[in-house]
Amino acid sequence: MKHSVFIVVIFFALTLVACGKPTAPESASSDNYGTTHEGKPAEGRNELPGK
């Protein structure tokens, strides 16, 4: 029993080290919201509502 708990704790610790913390882009602005990665307006189901 003690060995299995130890293995689970080690696995959990390694998972935390491997994943790290969540990050966000440094330039999180909404200026280009609703555009493709090429800067063109989105079309079809990806188009912003109200257009």
C-alpha atoms as a PDB file:
ATOM      1  CA  MET A   1       0.000   0.000   0.000  1.00  0.00           C
ATOM      2  CA  LYS A   2       2.769   2.437   0.891  1.00  0.00           C
ATOM      3  CA  HIS A   3       4.547   1.745  -2.378  1.00  0.00           C
ATOM      4  CA  SER A   4       1.494   2.489  -4.506  1.00  0.00           C
ATOM      5  CA  VAL A   5       0.849   5.774  -2.677  1.00  0.00           C
ATOM      6  CA  PHE A   6       4.483   6.737  -3.182  1.00  0.00           C
ATOM      7  CA  ILE A   7       4.251   5.958  -6.914  1.00  0.00           C
ATOM      8  CA  VAL A   8       1.058   8.031  -7.275  1.00  0.00           C
ATOM      9  CA  VAL A   9       2.662  10.993  -5.479  1.00  0.00           C
ATOM     10  CA  ILE A  10       5.758  10.805  -7.688  1.00  0.00           C
ATOM     11  CA  PHE A  11       3.588  10.579 -10.820  1.00  0.00           C
ATOM     12  CA  PHE A  12       1.569  13.613  -9.728  1.00  0.00           C
ATOM     13  CA  ALA A  13       4.733  15.608  -8.999  1.00  0.00           C
ATOM     14  CA  LEU A  14       6.221  14.752 -12.390  1.00  0.00           C
ATOM     15  CA  THR A  15       2.969  15.738 -14.094  1.00  0.00           C
ATOM     16  CA  LEU A  16       3.040  19.152 -12.433  1.00  0.00           C
ATOM     17  CA  VAL A  17       6.655  19.678 -13.427  1.00  0.00           C
ATOM     18  CA  ALA A  18       6.024  18.641 -17.031  1.00  0.00           C
ATOM     19  CA  CYS A  19       2.908  20.764 -17.530  1.00  0.00           C
ATOM     20  CA  GLY A  20       4.039  23.887 -15.755  1.00  0.00           C
ATOM     21  CA  LYS A  21       1.675  26.765 -15.270  1.00  0.00           C
ATOM     22  CA  PRO A  22      -0.848  28.000 -17.834  1.00  0.00           C
ATOM     23  CA  THR A  23       0.358  30.976 -19.835  1.00  0.00           C
ATOM     24  CA  ALA A  24      -1.344  33.650 -21.882  1.00  0.00           C
ATOM     25  CA  PRO A  25       0.069  35.526 -24.861  1.00  0.00           C
ATOM     26  CA  GLU A  26       1.990  38.621 -23.848  1.00  0.00           C
ATOM     27  CA  SER A  27       0.068  40.850 -26.250  1.00  0.00           C
ATOM     28  CA  ALA A  28      -3.486  39.875 -25.372  1.00  0.00           C
ATOM     29  CA  SER A  29      -5.445  42.600 -27.158  1.00  0.00           C
ATOM     30  CA  SER A  30      -8.825  42.405 -28.861  1.00  0.00           C
ATOM     31  CA  ASP A  31      -7.822  44.596 -31.829  1.00  0.00           C
ATOM     32  CA  ASN A  32      -7.695  41.680 -34.244  1.00  0.00           C
ATOM     33  CA  TYR A  33     -10.627  39.754 -32.774  1.00  0.00           C
ATOM     34  CA  GLY A  34     -12.701  38.143 -35.506  1.00  0.00           C
ATOM     35  CA  THR A  35      -9.905  37.937 -38.037  1.00  0.00           C
ATOM     36  CA  THR A  36      -7.959  35.008 -39.400  1.00  0.00           C
ATOM     37  CA  HIS A  37      -4.281  34.461 -38.676  1.00  0.00           C
ATOM     38  CA  GLU A  38      -3.600  36.305 -41.940  1.00  0.00           C
ATOM     39  CA  GLY A  39      -5.540  39.387 -40.792  1.00  0.00           C
ATOM     40  CA  LYS A  40      -8.506  38.815 -43.118  1.00  0.00           C
ATOM     41  CA  PRO A  41     -12.096  39.011 -41.809  1.00  0.00           C
ATOM     42  CA  ALA A  42     -13.562  35.687 -40.739  1.00  0.00           C
ATOM     43  CA  GLU A  43     -16.186  34.118 -42.986  1.00  0.00           C
ATOM     44  CA  GLY A  44     -19.040  31.653 -42.538  1.00  0.00           C
ATOM     45  CA  ARG A  45     -19.658  30.223 -39.094  1.00  0.00           C
ATOM     46  CA  ASN A  46     -16.539  31.970 -37.735  1.00  0.00           C
ATOM     47  CA  GLU A  47     -17.870  35.397 -38.683  1.00  0.00           C
ATOM     48  CA  LEU A  48     -18.647  37.802 -35.858  1.00  0.00           C
ATOM     49  CA  PRO A  49     -22.372  38.224 -35.142  1.00  0.00           C
ATOM     50  CA  GLY A  50     -24.014  41.406 -36.339  1.00  0.00           C
ATOM     51  CA  LYS A  51     -22.144  41.708 -39.605  1.00  0.00           C
END
